[in-house]
Amino acid sequence: MSTCVNGWGQRSQFDQRRYTGGFANDLEAITAVGGYHGPDDVLEDAVRDLLRHRPALRLSFAVKKYRMGEVGLNQAAELAGLSTEEFTQTLPDRGHSRQAVML
């Protein structure tokens, strides 16, 4: 088991053995019957569906990607499902100053 920083910038314990056996078998089965090209496609689809059904998580995800510089303001707003103006208005509540948003 090793400590890593997950996509949200948080430290977590990651045990590679956790994804063997049942979970790995489930991924293979879903890949086969679902018309996916591989397990990564299954996971991408699952994450996309998760974000679609959890708007607060979707917004937090978009803000995190924006903060990390992985996406620009317009793309982050699109990820969040908001207009650029609406997204910009949420940033001060999430630790961004108005000046930082304009940069």
Protein backbone atom coordinates (compact mmCIF):
# COMPACT_ATOMS: atom_id res chain seq x y z
CA MET A 1 0.00 0.00 0.00
CA SER A 2 1.32 3.45 -0.85
CA THR A 3 0.27 7.02 -0.19
CA CYS A 4 -0.59 9.14 -3.21
CA VAL A 5 -2.24 12.43 -3.98
CA ASN A 6 -5.54 11.85 -5.72
CA GLY A 7 -7.08 14.06 -8.42
CA TRP A 8 -8.56 16.32 -5.75
CA GLY A 9 -5.17 17.08 -4.21
CA GLN A 10 -5.90 14.92 -1.17
CA ARG A 11 -3.64 12.24 0.20
CA SER A 12 -5.14 8.79 0.13
CA GLN A 13 -4.08 5.20 0.58
CA PHE A 14 -3.99 3.30 -2.69
CA ASP A 15 -3.84 -0.47 -2.66
CA GLN A 16 -3.39 -1.86 -6.16
CA ARG A 17 -4.59 -5.25 -4.97
CA ARG A 18 -7.98 -3.67 -4.35
CA TYR A 19 -8.62 -3.58 -8.08
CA THR A 20 -7.99 -7.23 -8.75
CA GLY A 21 -10.46 -10.05 -8.52
CA GLY A 22 -14.08 -8.94 -8.39
CA PHE A 23 -13.65 -5.36 -9.57
CA ALA A 24 -11.30 -6.30 -12.38
CA ASN A 25 -13.65 -9.09 -13.44
CA ASP A 26 -16.60 -6.69 -13.41
CA LEU A 27 -14.69 -4.21 -15.58
CA GLU A 28 -13.83 -6.95 -18.06
CA ALA A 29 -17.45 -8.15 -18.19
CA ILE A 30 -18.87 -4.65 -18.68
CA THR A 31 -16.26 -3.99 -21.36
CA ALA A 32 -17.28 -7.14 -23.21
CA VAL A 33 -21.05 -6.75 -23.05
CA GLY A 34 -21.21 -2.97 -23.20
CA GLY A 35 -19.39 -2.47 -26.48
CA TYR A 36 -16.47 -0.63 -24.85
CA HIS A 37 -12.94 -0.74 -26.28
CA GLY A 38 -11.37 -1.26 -22.87
CA PRO A 39 -11.72 -0.80 -19.10
CA ASP A 40 -10.58 2.83 -19.32
CA ASP A 41 -13.60 3.57 -21.51
CA VAL A 42 -15.89 1.97 -18.91
CA LEU A 43 -14.39 4.10 -16.13
CA GLU A 44 -14.56 7.27 -18.23
CA ASP A 45 -18.24 6.63 -18.94
CA ALA A 46 -18.90 5.92 -15.26
CA VAL A 47 -17.21 9.16 -14.16
CA ARG A 48 -19.09 11.15 -16.79
CA ASP A 49 -22.39 9.66 -15.58
CA LEU A 50 -21.47 10.34 -11.94
CA LEU A 51 -20.73 14.00 -12.68
CA ARG A 52 -23.96 14.33 -14.68
CA HIS A 53 -26.00 13.17 -11.70
CA ARG A 54 -24.14 15.08 -8.98
CA PRO A 55 -24.07 18.81 -9.86
CA ALA A 56 -22.18 19.84 -6.71
CA LEU A 57 -19.43 17.33 -7.48
CA ARG A 58 -19.40 18.50 -11.10
CA LEU A 59 -18.87 22.10 -9.98
CA SER A 60 -16.13 21.13 -7.51
CA PHE A 61 -14.42 19.09 -10.23
CA ALA A 62 -14.51 22.03 -12.65
CA VAL A 63 -13.15 24.44 -10.03
CA LYS A 64 -10.34 22.02 -9.17
CA LYS A 65 -9.32 21.60 -12.81
CA TYR A 66 -9.43 25.41 -13.21
CA ARG A 67 -7.30 25.97 -10.10
CA MET A 68 -4.74 23.43 -11.29
CA GLY A 69 -4.52 25.22 -14.64
CA GLU A 70 -5.71 22.16 -16.56
CA VAL A 71 -8.56 24.09 -18.16
CA GLY A 72 -9.29 27.73 -18.85
CA LEU A 73 -12.22 29.70 -17.49
CA ASN A 74 -14.58 28.99 -20.39
CA GLN A 75 -13.84 25.25 -20.41
CA ALA A 76 -14.24 25.06 -16.63
CA ALA A 77 -17.62 26.78 -16.88
CA GLU A 78 -18.66 24.30 -19.55
CA LEU A 79 -17.53 21.38 -17.38
CA ALA A 80 -19.60 22.80 -14.53
CA GLY A 81 -22.64 23.21 -16.75
CA LEU A 82 -22.71 26.97 -16.12
CA SER A 83 -22.24 30.10 -18.16
CA THR A 84 -18.83 31.71 -17.80
CA GLU A 85 -20.40 34.52 -15.77
CA GLU A 86 -22.16 32.08 -13.42
CA PHE A 87 -18.98 30.06 -12.95
CA THR A 88 -16.94 33.20 -12.27
CA GLN A 89 -19.45 34.21 -9.59
CA THR A 90 -18.97 30.89 -7.75
CA LEU A 91 -15.20 31.24 -7.51
CA PRO A 92 -14.95 33.77 -4.63
CA ASP A 93 -17.06 31.41 -2.49
CA ARG A 94 -14.51 28.69 -3.26
CA GLY A 95 -11.40 30.63 -2.27
CA HIS A 96 -10.64 32.68 -5.39
CA SER A 97 -10.38 36.43 -5.18
CA ARG A 98 -12.06 38.45 -7.91
CA GLN A 99 -8.63 39.69 -9.02
CA ALA A 100 -7.34 36.12 -9.44
CA VAL A 101 -10.39 35.22 -11.54
CA MET A 102 -9.69 38.01 -13.99
CA LEU A 103 -6.12 36.89 -14.69
